[in-house]
Every structure is written in structure tokens, then in C-alpha cells.
Amino acid sequence: MSMEDIRCGIKVKRYQIEECAGVRPWNVRNADIGMFRMLTTELKRRGDGINELEGA
């Protein structure tokens, strides 16, 4: 799965992503949390930061 595919599949808003670090917002579905975790894991593996999600 390419990075573009991951970005297209994520359905959370930027403010929700920032909140996910500590507390999961109730309006974010489990599938979206899974996608968020997959994306952040991939970004960490590549050495990129959360700033890569700008505009996602």
C-alpha cells in the first residue's frame, strides 16, 4: 500500500489526529483509528513526522 493510498483512506480530521495522541475522540470510528495507527507507524518507519499529514 502506497503512502497516497493510506492518505486517501484516512477519514479523521487534523484536530482529531492531534487528540489521538492522548485521548480518542468519540466521533472517530475504530476503523479510522486503525488507519491512523498504520499511517503514523509508516511515518515513523520512514523518519517523517506528523506534519506529513497536513492537508490529509
Protein backbone atom coordinates (compact mmCIF):
# COMPACT_ATOMS: atom_id res chain seq x y z
CA MET A 1 0.00 0.00 0.00
CA SER A 2 1.47 3.31 -1.07
CA MET A 3 1.54 6.41 1.13
CA GLU A 4 -1.02 8.06 -1.18
CA ASP A 5 -3.39 5.10 -0.69
CA ILE A 6 -3.05 5.45 3.08
CA ARG A 7 -3.76 9.17 2.96
CA CYS A 8 -6.82 8.66 0.75
CA GLY A 9 -8.18 6.07 3.17
CA ILE A 10 -7.86 8.11 6.35
CA LYS A 11 -11.10 9.74 7.47
CA VAL A 12 -10.05 11.63 10.56
CA LYS A 13 -9.59 15.39 10.73
CA ARG A 14 -6.31 17.01 11.75
CA TYR A 15 -7.64 18.11 15.16
CA GLN A 16 -8.76 14.53 15.80
CA ILE A 17 -5.32 13.19 14.89
CA GLU A 18 -3.71 15.58 17.36
CA GLU A 19 -6.13 14.45 20.08
CA CYS A 20 -5.45 10.78 19.33
CA ALA A 21 -2.06 11.04 20.98
CA GLY A 22 -3.72 11.05 24.40
CA VAL A 23 -7.48 10.60 24.24
CA ARG A 24 -9.50 9.05 21.47
CA PRO A 25 -12.31 11.34 20.30
CA TRP A 26 -15.67 9.56 20.49
CA ASN A 27 -16.60 10.54 16.95
CA VAL A 28 -13.66 8.68 15.42
CA ARG A 29 -14.59 5.15 14.37
CA ASN A 30 -12.41 2.15 15.22
CA ALA A 31 -11.53 1.69 11.54
CA ASP A 32 -10.26 5.26 11.38
CA ILE A 33 -8.14 4.76 14.50
CA GLY A 34 -6.65 1.67 12.86
CA MET A 35 -5.85 3.69 9.74
CA PHE A 36 -4.33 6.46 11.89
CA ARG A 37 -2.09 3.95 13.66
CA MET A 38 -1.00 2.39 10.36
CA LEU A 39 -0.18 5.82 8.94
CA THR A 40 1.78 7.03 11.97
CA THR A 41 3.69 3.73 12.12
CA GLU A 42 4.67 4.14 8.47
CA LEU A 43 5.69 7.77 9.01
CA LYS A 44 7.85 6.80 12.00
CA ARG A 45 9.45 3.99 9.99
CA ARG A 46 10.36 6.46 7.24
CA GLY A 47 11.56 9.03 9.76
CA ASP A 48 8.86 11.56 8.89
CA GLY A 49 6.79 13.47 11.41
CA ILE A 50 3.09 14.08 11.93
CA ASN A 51 3.49 17.20 9.76
CA GLU A 52 3.24 14.89 6.74
CA LEU A 53 -0.49 14.67 7.49
CA GLU A 54 -1.05 18.38 6.80
CA GLY A 55 -3.98 18.65 4.42
CA ALA A 56 -4.99 14.99 4.81
